[in-house]
Amino acid sequence: ATQVNCPPDTGIDTVEKATYAVYPNPATTTLSLSTTENISSLAVVNVKGQRVMEPKVSKSISIESLAAGVYVLEIHTQGATQFVKFIKK
């Protein structure tokens, strides 16, 4: 049998996960964004992986120009990118 000694401490005290809320979902004209993080940029990606919109950073994003369908909102912060799926009616 092989013995492996693993230290009990990883050196990471706590892992904090940013919280995001994107609503309403599904949406028709505007998406609202609520977060605890400082957002550096936003992007809307379609199901084909194409960037279809790069809205300015705001708590309210106009999606009127998008065709009906499923999209992913990319939320870029200082050290991470979060992906939130939404539906445009």
Protein backbone atom coordinates (compact mmCIF):
# COMPACT_ATOMS: atom_id res chain seq x y z
CA ALA A 1 0.00 0.00 0.00
CA THR A 2 1.18 3.48 -0.81
CA GLN A 3 0.93 6.10 1.90
CA VAL A 4 0.36 9.73 0.94
CA ASN A 5 0.76 12.48 3.50
CA CYS A 6 -1.41 15.50 2.79
CA PRO A 7 -1.17 18.67 4.85
CA PRO A 8 -4.52 19.50 6.47
CA ASP A 9 -4.38 23.18 5.46
CA THR A 10 -4.58 24.34 1.84
CA GLY A 11 -3.55 27.89 2.69
CA ILE A 12 -6.92 29.24 1.60
CA ASP A 13 -8.82 30.67 4.54
CA THR A 14 -12.12 31.35 2.84
CA VAL A 15 -13.44 31.27 -0.67
CA GLU A 16 -15.86 34.06 -1.36
CA LYS A 17 -18.22 33.63 -4.26
CA ALA A 18 -19.58 36.75 -5.86
CA THR A 19 -23.33 36.94 -6.01
CA TYR A 20 -25.14 38.03 -9.13
CA ALA A 21 -28.80 38.48 -9.87
CA VAL A 22 -30.03 38.97 -13.43
CA TYR A 23 -33.75 39.65 -13.73
CA PRO A 24 -36.40 39.39 -15.05
CA ASN A 25 -35.72 36.09 -16.76
CA PRO A 26 -37.21 35.73 -19.33
CA ALA A 27 -36.97 39.40 -20.32
CA THR A 28 -38.41 41.44 -23.16
CA THR A 29 -36.75 44.87 -23.25
CA THR A 30 -34.43 45.32 -20.25
CA LEU A 31 -32.27 43.13 -18.03
CA SER A 32 -31.50 44.32 -14.52
CA LEU A 33 -28.20 43.35 -12.91
CA SER A 34 -27.46 43.28 -9.20
CA THR A 35 -24.05 42.29 -7.86
CA THR A 36 -21.69 42.67 -4.93
CA GLU A 37 -18.66 42.94 -7.25
CA ASN A 38 -17.17 45.78 -9.28
CA ILE A 39 -17.88 44.92 -12.91
CA SER A 40 -15.20 45.80 -15.46
CA SER A 41 -17.13 44.79 -18.60
CA LEU A 42 -20.20 42.97 -19.90
CA ALA A 43 -20.87 40.94 -23.02
CA VAL A 44 -23.90 39.13 -24.43
CA VAL A 45 -23.18 35.87 -26.26
CA ASN A 46 -25.65 33.86 -28.36
CA VAL A 47 -25.97 30.06 -28.38
CA LYS A 48 -23.46 29.86 -31.26
CA GLY A 49 -20.83 31.48 -29.04
CA GLN A 50 -20.90 34.76 -30.97
CA ARG A 51 -20.61 38.04 -29.09
CA VAL A 52 -23.71 39.92 -30.17
CA MET A 53 -23.54 42.85 -27.78
CA GLU A 54 -21.08 44.59 -25.47
CA PRO A 55 -23.26 46.88 -23.37
CA LYS A 56 -21.74 49.54 -21.18
CA VAL A 57 -21.49 48.56 -17.54
CA SER A 58 -24.80 49.44 -15.96
CA LYS A 59 -27.40 48.00 -13.61
CA SER A 60 -29.91 48.16 -16.46
CA ILE A 61 -29.12 46.66 -19.88
CA SER A 62 -31.32 47.27 -22.92
CA ILE A 63 -31.87 44.04 -24.87
CA GLU A 64 -34.57 45.35 -27.25
CA SER A 65 -32.28 44.91 -30.28
CA LEU A 66 -31.76 41.17 -29.61
CA ALA A 67 -33.82 38.55 -31.41
CA ALA A 68 -35.88 36.21 -29.23
CA GLY A 69 -33.78 33.33 -27.92
CA VAL A 70 -31.36 32.09 -25.28
CA TYR A 71 -28.26 34.14 -24.45
CA VAL A 72 -25.44 34.20 -21.93
CA LEU A 73 -24.45 37.39 -20.11
CA GLU A 74 -20.70 37.44 -19.44
CA ILE A 75 -19.93 39.46 -16.33
CA HIS A 76 -16.23 40.35 -16.12
CA THR A 77 -14.86 41.43 -12.73
CA GLN A 78 -11.34 42.07 -11.43
CA GLY A 79 -10.30 38.44 -11.21
CA ALA A 80 -13.12 36.36 -12.65
CA THR A 81 -15.77 35.94 -15.32
CA GLN A 82 -19.28 34.81 -14.43
CA PHE A 83 -21.73 33.43 -17.01
CA VAL A 84 -25.47 33.92 -16.52
CA LYS A 85 -27.98 32.43 -18.97
CA PHE A 86 -31.08 34.45 -19.82
CA ILE A 87 -33.98 34.25 -22.24
CA LYS A 88 -35.08 37.12 -24.49
CA LYS A 89 -38.80 36.91 -25.33
